Each structure stands twice: as C-alpha cells, then as structure tokens.
PDB file of N, CA and C in Angstrom:
ATOM      1  N   MET A   1    -170.962-194.406 109.813  1.00  0.00           N
ATOM      2  CA  MET A   1    -169.688-194.736 109.451  1.00  0.00           C
ATOM      3  C   MET A   1    -169.180-193.437 109.355  1.00  0.00           C
ATOM      4  N   SER A   2    -168.020-193.039 109.949  1.00  0.00           N
ATOM      5  CA  SER A   2    -167.228-191.780 110.042  1.00  0.00           C
ATOM      6  C   SER A   2    -166.530-191.504 108.807  1.00  0.00           C
ATOM      7  N   LYS A   3    -166.503-190.010 108.199  1.00  0.00           N
ATOM      8  CA  LYS A   3    -165.901-189.852 107.165  1.00  0.00           C
ATOM      9  C   LYS A   3    -164.429-189.909 107.279  1.00  0.00           C
ATOM     10  N   SER A   4    -163.537-189.991 106.478  1.00  0.00           N
ATOM     11  CA  SER A   4    -162.088-190.065 106.376  1.00  0.00           C
ATOM     12  C   SER A   4    -161.805-188.617 106.244  1.00  0.00           C
ATOM     13  N   LEU A   5    -160.517-188.264 106.734  1.00  0.00           N
ATOM     14  CA  LEU A   5    -159.712-186.668 106.553  1.00  0.00           C
ATOM     15  C   LEU A   5    -159.987-186.279 105.124  1.00  0.00           C
ATOM     16  N   LYS A   6    -159.641-187.324 104.252  1.00  0.00           N
ATOM     17  CA  LYS A   6    -159.800-186.509 102.836  1.00  0.00           C
ATOM     18  C   LYS A   6    -161.207-186.170 102.499  1.00  0.00           C
ATOM     19  N   ASP A   7    -162.335-187.124 102.991  1.00  0.00           N
ATOM     20  CA  ASP A   7    -163.840-186.620 102.771  1.00  0.00           C
ATOM     21  C   ASP A   7    -163.889-185.416 103.471  1.00  0.00           C
ATOM     22  N   LEU A   8    -163.435-185.129 104.590  1.00  0.00           N
ATOM     23  CA  LEU A   8    -163.635-183.646 105.454  1.00  0.00           C
ATOM     24  C   LEU A   8    -163.027-182.653 105.018  1.00  0.00           C
ATOM     25  N   ILE A   9    -162.104-182.627 104.333  1.00  0.00           N
ATOM     26  CA  ILE A   9    -161.414-181.797 103.820  1.00  0.00           C
ATOM     27  C   ILE A   9    -162.089-181.380 102.407  1.00  0.00           C
ATOM     28  N   ALA A  10    -162.506-182.525 101.779  1.00  0.00           N
ATOM     29  CA  ALA A  10    -163.166-182.073 100.586  1.00  0.00           C
ATOM     30  C   ALA A  10    -164.421-181.361 100.743  1.00  0.00           C
ATOM     31  N   SER A  11    -164.911-181.818 101.799  1.00  0.00           N
ATOM     32  CA  SER A  11    -166.113-181.056 102.107  1.00  0.00           C
ATOM     33  C   SER A  11    -165.964-179.610 102.681  1.00  0.00           C
ATOM     34  N   ASP A  12    -164.829-179.264 103.329  1.00  0.00           N
ATOM     35  CA  ASP A  12    -164.544-178.068 103.583  1.00  0.00           C
ATOM     36  C   ASP A  12    -164.299-177.248 102.489  1.00  0.00           C
ATOM     37  N   ILE A  13    -163.527-177.658 101.710  1.00  0.00           N
ATOM     38  CA  ILE A  13    -163.410-176.820 100.406  1.00  0.00           C
ATOM     39  C   ILE A  13    -164.687-176.223  99.801  1.00  0.00           C
ATOM     40  N   ASP A  14    -165.625-177.179  99.512  1.00  0.00           N
ATOM     41  CA  ASP A  14    -166.988-176.563  99.032  1.00  0.00           C
ATOM     42  C   ASP A  14    -167.630-175.782 100.177  1.00  0.00           C
ATOM     43  N   LEU A  15    -167.713-176.155 101.261  1.00  0.00           N
ATOM     44  CA  LEU A  15    -168.673-175.574 102.506  1.00  0.00           C
ATOM     45  C   LEU A  15    -168.158-174.338 103.004  1.00  0.00           C
ATOM     46  N   VAL A  16    -166.836-174.048 103.059  1.00  0.00           N
ATOM     47  CA  VAL A  16    -165.883-173.095 103.721  1.00  0.00           C
ATOM     48  C   VAL A  16    -165.455-172.038 102.532  1.00  0.00           C
ATOM     49  N   PHE A  17    -164.370-172.465 102.149  1.00  0.00           N
ATOM     50  CA  PHE A  17    -163.282-171.745 101.088  1.00  0.00           C
ATOM     51  C   PHE A  17    -164.043-171.411  99.912  1.00  0.00           C
ATOM     52  N   MET A  18    -164.710-172.102  99.250  1.00  0.00           N
ATOM     53  CA  MET A  18    -165.082-171.665  97.991  1.00  0.00           C
ATOM     54  C   MET A  18    -166.739-171.012  97.687  1.00  0.00           C
ATOM     55  N   GLN A  19    -167.052-170.701  98.877  1.00  0.00           N
ATOM     56  CA  GLN A  19    -168.294-170.110  99.261  1.00  0.00           C
ATOM     57  C   GLN A  19    -168.337-168.630  98.336  1.00  0.00           C
ATOM     58  N   LEU A  20    -169.300-168.502  97.549  1.00  0.00           N
ATOM     59  CA  LEU A  20    -169.644-167.386  96.809  1.00  0.00           C
ATOM     60  C   LEU A  20    -169.700-166.208  97.883  1.00  0.00           C
ATOM     61  N   GLU A  21    -170.661-166.271  98.845  1.00  0.00           N
ATOM     62  CA  GLU A  21    -170.861-165.310  99.783  1.00  0.00           C
ATOM     63  C   GLU A  21    -169.924-164.991 100.605  1.00  0.00           C
ATOM     64  N   ASP A  22    -168.721-165.664 100.800  1.00  0.00           N
ATOM     65  CA  ASP A  22    -167.705-165.463 101.539  1.00  0.00           C
ATOM     66  C   ASP A  22    -166.305-164.881 100.773  1.00  0.00           C
ATOM     67  N   PHE A  23    -165.928-166.073 100.161  1.00  0.00           N
ATOM     68  CA  PHE A  23    -164.346-165.763  99.645  1.00  0.00           C
ATOM     69  C   PHE A  23    -164.680-166.013  98.182  1.00  0.00           C
ATOM     70  N   GLY A  24    -165.400-167.050  97.452  1.00  0.00           N
ATOM     71  CA  GLY A  24    -165.190-167.631  96.194  1.00  0.00           C
ATOM     72  C   GLY A  24    -165.705-166.294  95.224  1.00  0.00           C
ATOM     73  N   GLU A  25    -165.304-166.324  94.137  1.00  0.00           N
ATOM     74  CA  GLU A  25    -165.783-165.486  92.925  1.00  0.00           C
ATOM     75  C   GLU A  25    -165.647-166.489  91.637  1.00  0.00           C
ATOM     76  N   VAL A  26    -166.899-166.242  90.821  1.00  0.00           N
ATOM     77  CA  VAL A  26    -166.869-166.874  89.395  1.00  0.00           C
ATOM     78  C   VAL A  26    -165.986-166.112  88.361  1.00  0.00           C
ATOM     79  N   HIS A  27    -164.967-166.925  87.750  1.00  0.00           N
ATOM     80  CA  HIS A  27    -164.221-166.413  86.790  1.00  0.00           C
ATOM     81  C   HIS A  27    -164.328-167.577  85.651  1.00  0.00           C
ATOM     82  N   LYS A  28    -163.708-166.994  84.502  1.00  0.00           N
ATOM     83  CA  LYS A  28    -163.554-167.947  83.457  1.00  0.00           C
ATOM     84  C   LYS A  28    -162.134-168.261  83.123  1.00  0.00           C
ATOM     85  N   ILE A  29    -161.967-169.596  83.631  1.00  0.00           N
ATOM     86  CA  ILE A  29    -160.565-170.177  83.260  1.00  0.00           C
ATOM     87  C   ILE A  29    -160.329-171.202  82.194  1.00  0.00           C
ATOM     88  N   GLU A  30    -159.562-170.655  81.255  1.00  0.00           N
ATOM     89  CA  GLU A  30    -159.491-171.375  80.040  1.00  0.00           C
ATOM     90  C   GLU A  30    -161.042-171.707  79.203  1.00  0.00           C
ATOM     91  N   GLY A  31    -161.960-170.524  79.535  1.00  0.00           N
ATOM     92  CA  GLY A  31    -163.175-170.548  79.094  1.00  0.00           C
ATOM     93  C   GLY A  31    -164.296-171.204  79.634  1.00  0.00           C
ATOM     94  N   LYS A  32    -163.815-172.039  80.932  1.00  0.00           N
ATOM     95  CA  LYS A  32    -164.955-172.387  81.978  1.00  0.00           C
ATOM     96  C   LYS A  32    -165.227-171.724  82.969  1.00  0.00           C
ATOM     97  N   SER A  33    -166.295-171.597  83.413  1.00  0.00           N
ATOM     98  CA  SER A  33    -166.677-170.865  84.726  1.00  0.00           C
ATOM     99  C   SER A  33    -166.391-171.622  86.048  1.00  0.00           C
ATOM    100  N   ILE A  34    -165.653-171.128  86.638  1.00  0.00           N
ATOM    101  CA  ILE A  34    -165.232-171.745  88.017  1.00  0.00           C
ATOM    102  C   ILE A  34    -165.061-170.790  89.190  1.00  0.00           C
ATOM    103  N   THR A  35    -165.376-171.340  90.233  1.00  0.00           N
ATOM    104  CA  THR A  35    -165.195-170.456  91.212  1.00  0.00           C
ATOM    105  C   THR A  35    -163.815-170.523  91.799  1.00  0.00           C
ATOM    106  N   ILE A  36    -163.312-169.342  92.130  1.00  0.00           N
ATOM    107  CA  ILE A  36    -161.847-169.156  92.315  1.00  0.00           C
ATOM    108  C   ILE A  36    -161.927-168.109  93.729  1.00  0.00           C
ATOM    109  N   ILE A  37    -160.663-168.146  94.237  1.00  0.00           N
ATOM    110  CA  ILE A  37    -160.412-167.110  95.321  1.00  0.00           C
ATOM    111  C   ILE A  37    -159.050-166.240  94.889  1.00  0.00           C
ATOM    112  N   ILE A  38    -159.217-164.972  94.558  1.00  0.00           N
ATOM    113  CA  ILE A  38    -158.296-164.218  94.342  1.00  0.00           C
ATOM    114  C   ILE A  38    -157.878-163.740  95.733  1.00  0.00           C
ATOM    115  N   ASP A  39    -156.204-163.830  95.831  1.00  0.00           N
ATOM    116  CA  ASP A  39    -155.567-163.584  97.241  1.00  0.00           C
ATOM    117  C   ASP A  39    -154.345-162.779  96.932  1.00  0.00           C
ATOM    118  N   ASN A  40    -154.416-161.311  96.665  1.00  0.00           N
ATOM    119  CA  ASN A  40    -153.120-160.964  96.459  1.00  0.00           C
ATOM    120  C   ASN A  40    -152.505-160.300  97.555  1.00  0.00           C
ATOM    121  N   ASP A  41    -152.953-160.508  98.806  1.00  0.00           N
ATOM    122  CA  ASP A  41    -152.431-160.135 100.042  1.00  0.00           C
ATOM    123  C   ASP A  41    -151.484-161.142 100.385  1.00  0.00           C
ATOM    124  N   THR A  42    -151.844-162.321 100.143  1.00  0.00           N
ATOM    125  CA  THR A  42    -150.816-163.575 100.195  1.00  0.00           C
ATOM    126  C   THR A  42    -149.631-163.340  99.416  1.00  0.00           C
ATOM    127  N   LEU A  43    -149.987-163.117  98.053  1.00  0.00           N
ATOM    128  CA  LEU A  43    -148.947-162.771  97.049  1.00  0.00           C
ATOM    129  C   LEU A  43    -148.178-161.727  97.414  1.00  0.00           C
ATOM    130  N   VAL A  44    -148.434-160.708  98.017  1.00  0.00           N
ATOM    131  CA  VAL A  44    -147.377-159.673  98.497  1.00  0.00           C
ATOM    132  C   VAL A  44    -146.636-160.061  99.813  1.00  0.00           C
ATOM    133  N   THR A  45    -147.241-160.876 100.715  1.00  0.00           N
ATOM    134  CA  THR A  45    -146.577-161.593 101.432  1.00  0.00           C
ATOM    135  C   THR A  45    -145.513-162.621 100.962  1.00  0.00           C
ATOM    136  N   MET A  46    -145.675-163.480  99.966  1.00  0.00           N
ATOM    137  CA  MET A  46    -144.882-164.384  99.104  1.00  0.00           C
ATOM    138  C   MET A  46    -143.783-163.545  98.671  1.00  0.00           C
ATOM    139  N   LYS A  47    -144.048-162.529  97.859  1.00  0.00           N
ATOM    140  CA  LYS A  47    -143.036-161.572  97.352  1.00  0.00           C
ATOM    141  C   LYS A  47    -142.102-161.077  98.388  1.00  0.00           C
ATOM    142  N   ASN A  48    -142.488-160.486  99.582  1.00  0.00           N
ATOM    143  CA  ASN A  48    -141.667-160.305 100.689  1.00  0.00           C
ATOM    144  C   ASN A  48    -140.814-161.137 101.343  1.00  0.00           C
ATOM    145  N   GLY A  49    -141.399-162.549 101.072  1.00  0.00           N
ATOM    146  CA  GLY A  49    -140.846-163.394 101.680  1.00  0.00           C
ATOM    147  C   GLY A  49    -139.848-163.986 100.557  1.00  0.00           C
ATOM    148  N   ASN A  50    -139.439-163.364  99.367  1.00  0.00           N
ATOM    149  CA  ASN A  50    -138.853-163.789  98.328  1.00  0.00           C
ATOM    150  C   ASN A  50    -138.896-165.175  97.808  1.00  0.00           C
ATOM    151  N   ILE A  51    -140.047-165.628  97.613  1.00  0.00           N
ATOM    152  CA  ILE A  51    -140.547-166.816  97.402  1.00  0.00           C
ATOM    153  C   ILE A  51    -140.172-166.978  95.677  1.00  0.00           C
ATOM    154  N   LEU A  52    -139.463-168.116  95.507  1.00  0.00           N
ATOM    155  CA  LEU A  52    -138.961-168.073  93.964  1.00  0.00           C
ATOM    156  C   LEU A  52    -140.070-168.099  93.223  1.00  0.00           C
ATOM    157  N   GLY A  53    -139.928-167.563  91.988  1.00  0.00           N
ATOM    158  CA  GLY A  53    -140.934-167.519  90.959  1.00  0.00           C
ATOM    159  C   GLY A  53    -142.217-166.524  90.873  1.00  0.00           C
ATOM    160  N   VAL A  54    -142.275-165.922  91.959  1.00  0.00           N
ATOM    161  CA  VAL A  54    -143.182-164.947  91.806  1.00  0.00           C
ATOM    162  C   VAL A  54    -143.164-163.661  91.916  1.00  0.00           C
ATOM    163  N   ALA A  55    -141.798-163.221  91.674  1.00  0.00           N
ATOM    164  CA  ALA A  55    -141.383-161.788  91.613  1.00  0.00           C
ATOM    165  C   ALA A  55    -142.130-160.969  90.701  1.00  0.00           C
ATOM    166  N   GLU A  56    -142.506-161.627  89.496  1.00  0.00           N
ATOM    167  CA  GLU A  56    -143.250-160.919  88.326  1.00  0.00           C
ATOM    168  C   GLU A  56    -144.757-161.182  88.440  1.00  0.00           C
ATOM    169  N   SER A  57    -145.190-161.897  89.290  1.00  0.00           N
ATOM    170  CA  SER A  57    -146.581-162.120  89.453  1.00  0.00           C
ATOM    171  C   SER A  57    -147.531-160.941  89.851  1.00  0.00           C
ATOM    172  N   ASP A  58    -148.596-160.947  89.220  1.00  0.00           N
ATOM    173  CA  ASP A  58    -149.654-159.986  89.429  1.00  0.00           C
ATOM    174  C   ASP A  58    -150.813-160.313  90.101  1.00  0.00           C
ATOM    175  N   THR A  59    -151.193-161.616  90.285  1.00  0.00           N
ATOM    176  CA  THR A  59    -152.276-162.370  90.697  1.00  0.00           C
ATOM    177  C   THR A  59    -152.299-163.536  91.362  1.00  0.00           C
ATOM    178  N   LEU A  60    -152.723-163.799  92.473  1.00  0.00           N
ATOM    179  CA  LEU A  60    -152.773-165.275  92.875  1.00  0.00           C
ATOM    180  C   LEU A  60    -154.106-165.933  93.220  1.00  0.00           C
ATOM    181  N   ILE A  61    -154.247-167.143  92.496  1.00  0.00           N
ATOM    182  CA  ILE A  61    -155.747-167.460  92.403  1.00  0.00           C
ATOM    183  C   ILE A  61    -155.640-169.139  93.208  1.00  0.00           C
ATOM    184  N   PHE A  62    -156.804-169.272  93.815  1.00  0.00           N
ATOM    185  CA  PHE A  62    -156.669-170.669  94.376  1.00  0.00           C
ATOM    186  C   PHE A  62    -158.243-171.020  93.715  1.00  0.00           C
ATOM    187  N   ALA A  63    -157.997-172.504  93.342  1.00  0.00           N
ATOM    188  CA  ALA A  63    -159.340-173.059  92.506  1.00  0.00           C
ATOM    189  C   ALA A  63    -159.038-174.478  93.069  1.00  0.00           C
ATOM    190  N   ARG A  64    -160.426-175.142  93.154  1.00  0.00           N
ATOM    191  CA  ARG A  64    -160.579-176.550  93.215  1.00  0.00           C
ATOM    192  C   ARG A  64    -159.570-177.355  92.197  1.00  0.00           C
ATOM    193  N   THR A  65    -158.842-178.089  92.502  1.00  0.00           N
ATOM    194  CA  THR A  65    -157.934-179.032  91.532  1.00  0.00           C
ATOM    195  C   THR A  65    -159.002-179.730  90.577  1.00  0.00           C
ATOM    196  N   GLU A  66    -160.082-180.152  91.011  1.00  0.00           N
ATOM    197  CA  GLU A  66    -160.830-180.918  89.868  1.00  0.00           C
ATOM    198  C   GLU A  66    -161.430-179.888  88.950  1.00  0.00           C
ATOM    199  N   ASP A  67    -161.554-178.731  89.242  1.00  0.00           N
ATOM    200  CA  ASP A  67    -162.202-177.780  88.246  1.00  0.00           C
ATOM    201  C   ASP A  67    -161.485-177.337  87.222  1.00  0.00           C
ATOM    202  N   LEU A  68    -160.064-177.708  87.272  1.00  0.00           N
ATOM    203  CA  LEU A  68    -159.303-177.215  86.504  1.00  0.00           C
ATOM    204  C   LEU A  68    -158.602-178.056  85.337  1.00  0.00           C
ATOM    205  N   GLU A  69    -158.584-178.020  84.345  1.00  0.00           N
ATOM    206  CA  GLU A  69    -157.983-178.943  83.214  1.00  0.00           C
ATOM    207  C   GLU A  69    -156.730-179.801  83.576  1.00  0.00           C
ATOM    208  N   GLY A  70    -155.880-179.202  84.340  1.00  0.00           N
ATOM    209  CA  GLY A  70    -154.896-180.044  84.378  1.00  0.00           C
ATOM    210  C   GLY A  70    -153.685-179.091  84.854  1.00  0.00           C
ATOM    211  N   GLU A  71    -152.825-179.663  85.410  1.00  0.00           N
ATOM    212  CA  GLU A  71    -151.399-178.640  85.888  1.00  0.00           C
ATOM    213  C   GLU A  71    -150.889-178.156  84.728  1.00  0.00           C
ATOM    214  N   LYS A  72    -150.349-176.854  84.657  1.00  0.00           N
ATOM    215  CA  LYS A  72    -149.542-176.050  83.807  1.00  0.00           C
ATOM    216  C   LYS A  72    -148.525-175.719  84.278  1.00  0.00           C
ATOM    217  N   ALA A  73    -147.192-175.600  83.583  1.00  0.00           N
ATOM    218  CA  ALA A  73    -145.884-175.372  83.918  1.00  0.00           C
ATOM    219  C   ALA A  73    -145.471-174.094  83.897  1.00  0.00           C
ATOM    220  N   PRO A  74    -144.688-173.549  84.658  1.00  0.00           N
ATOM    221  CA  PRO A  74    -144.268-172.421  84.808  1.00  0.00           C
ATOM    222  C   PRO A  74    -144.049-171.761  83.174  1.00  0.00           C
ATOM    223  N   GLY A  75    -144.332-170.702  82.805  1.00  0.00           N
ATOM    224  CA  GLY A  75    -144.267-170.081  81.606  1.00  0.00           C
ATOM    225  C   GLY A  75    -145.575-170.504  80.471  1.00  0.00           C
ATOM    226  N   SER A  76    -146.195-171.404  81.080  1.00  0.00           N
ATOM    227  CA  SER A  76    -147.319-171.865  80.148  1.00  0.00           C
ATOM    228  C   SER A  76    -148.448-170.610  80.393  1.00  0.00           C
ATOM    229  N   ALA A  77    -149.458-170.517  78.983  1.00  0.00           N
ATOM    230  CA  ALA A  77    -150.263-169.541  78.982  1.00  0.00           C
ATOM    231  C   ALA A  77    -151.582-170.186  79.835  1.00  0.00           C
ATOM    232  N   LEU A  78    -152.446-169.218  80.423  1.00  0.00           N
ATOM    233  CA  LEU A  78    -153.420-169.512  81.170  1.00  0.00           C
ATOM    234  C   LEU A  78    -154.575-168.312  80.789  1.00  0.00           C
ATOM    235  N   ASN A  79    -155.581-168.551  80.195  1.00  0.00           N
ATOM    236  CA  ASN A  79    -156.627-167.566  79.790  1.00  0.00           C
ATOM    237  C   ASN A  79    -157.461-167.550  80.968  1.00  0.00           C
ATOM    238  N   VAL A  80    -157.536-166.196  81.598  1.00  0.00           N
ATOM    239  CA  VAL A  80    -158.350-165.599  82.667  1.00  0.00           C
ATOM    240  C   VAL A  80    -159.328-164.605  82.416  1.00  0.00           C
ATOM    241  N   ASP A  81    -160.488-164.901  82.336  1.00  0.00           N
ATOM    242  CA  ASP A  81    -161.696-164.000  81.831  1.00  0.00           C
ATOM    243  C   ASP A  81    -161.453-163.426  80.657  1.00  0.00           C
ATOM    244  N   GLY A  82    -160.765-164.131  79.673  1.00  0.00           N
ATOM    245  CA  GLY A  82    -160.558-163.710  78.161  1.00  0.00           C
ATOM    246  C   GLY A  82    -159.255-163.134  78.071  1.00  0.00           C
ATOM    247  N   ARG A  83    -158.442-163.080  79.160  1.00  0.00           N
ATOM    248  CA  ARG A  83    -157.075-162.277  79.043  1.00  0.00           C
ATOM    249  C   ARG A  83    -156.118-163.237  79.086  1.00  0.00           C
ATOM    250  N   GLU A  84    -154.958-163.371  78.347  1.00  0.00           N
ATOM    251  CA  GLU A  84    -153.912-164.355  78.363  1.00  0.00           C
ATOM    252  C   GLU A  84    -152.736-163.765  79.707  1.00  0.00           C
ATOM    253  N   CYS A  85    -152.523-164.991  80.431  1.00  0.00           N
ATOM    254  CA  CYS A  85    -151.893-164.673  81.623  1.00  0.00           C
ATOM    255  C   CYS A  85    -150.595-165.665  81.292  1.00  0.00           C
ATOM    256  N   THR A  86    -149.614-165.654  82.184  1.00  0.00           N
ATOM    257  CA  THR A  86    -148.390-166.526  82.141  1.00  0.00           C
ATOM    258  C   THR A  86    -148.479-167.054  83.481  1.00  0.00           C
ATOM    259  N   VAL A  87    -148.365-168.523  83.582  1.00  0.00           N
ATOM    260  CA  VAL A  87    -148.126-169.090  84.575  1.00  0.00           C
ATOM    261  C   VAL A  87    -146.691-168.865  85.378  1.00  0.00           C
ATOM    262  N   ASP A  88    -146.573-168.281  86.729  1.00  0.00           N
ATOM    263  CA  ASP A  88    -145.279-168.182  87.233  1.00  0.00           C
ATOM    264  C   ASP A  88    -145.090-169.415  88.299  1.00  0.00           C
ATOM    265  N   SER A  89    -146.212-170.011  89.003  1.00  0.00           N
ATOM    266  CA  SER A  89    -146.281-171.167  89.733  1.00  0.00           C
ATOM    267  C   SER A  89    -147.424-171.784  89.763  1.00  0.00           C
ATOM    268  N   TRP A  90    -147.586-173.105  89.897  1.00  0.00           N
ATOM    269  CA  TRP A  90    -148.642-173.898  90.269  1.00  0.00           C
ATOM    270  C   TRP A  90    -148.195-174.972  91.275  1.00  0.00           C
ATOM    271  N   ALA A  91    -149.039-174.906  92.326  1.00  0.00           N
ATOM    272  CA  ALA A  91    -149.049-175.987  93.319  1.00  0.00           C
ATOM    273  C   ALA A  91    -150.392-176.604  93.739  1.00  0.00           C
ATOM    274  N   GLU A  92    -150.367-177.804  93.963  1.00  0.00           N
ATOM    275  CA  GLU A  92    -151.689-178.683  94.181  1.00  0.00           C
ATOM    276  C   GLU A  92    -151.520-179.168  95.436  1.00  0.00           C
ATOM    277  N   ASN A  93    -152.460-179.150  96.625  1.00  0.00           N
ATOM    278  CA  ASN A  93    -152.542-179.524  97.812  1.00  0.00           C
ATOM    279  C   ASN A  93    -153.710-179.782  98.158  1.00  0.00           C
ATOM    280  N   LEU A  94    -154.075-180.842  98.650  1.00  0.00           N
ATOM    281  CA  LEU A  94    -155.245-181.244  99.235  1.00  0.00           C
ATOM    282  C   LEU A  94    -156.506-180.936  98.638  1.00  0.00           C
ATOM    283  N   GLY A  95    -156.632-180.936  97.156  1.00  0.00           N
ATOM    284  CA  GLY A  95    -157.889-180.526  96.470  1.00  0.00           C
ATOM    285  C   GLY A  95    -157.735-179.163  95.963  1.00  0.00           C
ATOM    286  N   ILE A  96    -156.847-178.519  96.337  1.00  0.00           N
ATOM    287  CA  ILE A  96    -156.808-177.063  96.089  1.00  0.00           C
ATOM    288  C   ILE A  96    -155.683-176.766  95.542  1.00  0.00           C
ATOM    289  N   THR A  97    -155.841-175.937  94.321  1.00  0.00           N
ATOM    290  CA  THR A  97    -154.477-175.466  93.342  1.00  0.00           C
ATOM    291  C   THR A  97    -154.324-173.925  93.555  1.00  0.00           C
ATOM    292  N   GLN A  98    -152.998-173.750  93.779  1.00  0.00           N
ATOM    293  CA  GLN A  98    -152.722-172.300  94.005  1.00  0.00           C
ATOM    294  C   GLN A  98    -152.205-171.839  92.775  1.00  0.00           C
ATOM    295  N   ILE A  99    -152.195-170.784  92.223  1.00  0.00           N
ATOM    296  CA  ILE A  99    -151.500-170.422  90.923  1.00  0.00           C
ATOM    297  C   ILE A  99    -151.180-168.957  90.978  1.00  0.00           C
ATOM    298  N   ALA A 100    -149.871-168.735  90.660  1.00  0.00           N
ATOM    299  CA  ALA A 100    -149.316-167.272  90.764  1.00  0.00           C
ATOM    300  C   ALA A 100    -149.285-167.101  89.243  1.00  0.00           C
ATOM    301  N   LEU A 101    -149.717-166.098  88.895  1.00  0.00           N
ATOM    302  CA  LEU A 101    -149.625-165.342  87.397  1.00  0.00           C
ATOM    303  C   LEU A 101    -149.293-164.144  87.170  1.00  0.00           C
ATOM    304  N   HIS A 102    -148.813-163.950  86.066  1.00  0.00           N
ATOM    305  CA  HIS A 102    -148.862-162.437  85.593  1.00  0.00           C
ATOM    306  C   HIS A 102    -149.404-162.049  84.275  1.00  0.00           C
ATOM    307  N   HIS A 103    -149.880-161.038  84.138  1.00  0.00           N
ATOM    308  CA  HIS A 103    -150.677-160.776  82.652  1.00  0.00           C
ATOM    309  C   HIS A 103    -149.668-160.424  81.739  1.00  0.00           C
ATOM    310  N   THR A 104    -149.930-160.977  80.434  1.00  0.00           N
ATOM    311  CA  THR A 104    -149.035-160.809  79.587  1.00  0.00           C
ATOM    312  C   THR A 104    -149.191-159.476  78.689  1.00  0.00           C
ATOM    313  N   ARG A 105    -147.981-158.794  78.828  1.00  0.00           N
ATOM    314  CA  ARG A 105    -147.976-157.420  78.365  1.00  0.00           C
ATOM    315  C   ARG A 105    -147.835-157.441  76.825  1.00  0.00           C
ATOM    316  N   MET A 106    -148.562-156.368  76.366  1.00  0.00           N
ATOM    317  CA  MET A 106    -148.668-156.397  74.964  1.00  0.00           C
ATOM    318  C   MET A 106    -147.384-155.437  74.447  1.00  0.00           C
ATOM    319  N   VAL A 107    -146.884-155.566  73.597  1.00  0.00           N
ATOM    320  CA  VAL A 107    -145.566-154.610  73.131  1.00  0.00           C
ATOM    321  C   VAL A 107    -145.996-153.904  71.899  1.00  0.00           C
TER     322      VAL A 107
END
C-alpha cells in the first residue's frame, strides 16, 4: 500500500528538516525540550520584503506543530530557553509551524 502525500510530508519533516545532524537544534519552548530550526536568514529576507508583523522580530524558528502546545496569537508571550519572548507571527503549514518573535526588553 502506498503512502499518502500527508504521510510522505510527515516523514520528510522527521527525516530531513528536523535532523539534529543537519538543521535541527534542541531548545526549550515553554519548558519542553523540542527540536527546532532557527533561520534568521529567512527572517532577514522577510524583513526586506516588508512582510507585515516581523519588523521588530529578532528570531525566526520552525518546529513540528505537534511538538508545540498550541497556536499563540501575535503579542502573546513565548518562553524560549528560559527567556521571555513576544510572538510577532505564527503560521502553521503541513505540520511545521513558523514563529517570528522578539526578545522582551527589560526596562
């Protein structure tokens, strides 16, 4: 029996994109250790393209949607490695979540 496209994509997420040896890194998100990809090169491209909502962003991360506790709205707090950040954008697509965030500044 052949796999569905959805199954193939899910397999690619684990076998290709989230590999610790190649792209993925383990970080604590909301206190849970998960594999993420930090891609600030894409963030720079998004900023140069004037993508709405990311002008103040410091970091762009990708994670398996199933590893996260649920979608957070822009302006929500997200704890990354013990540091409070603010979500600028949150997009889910084919099992991967893209999160642009900025570090909360201490006054």
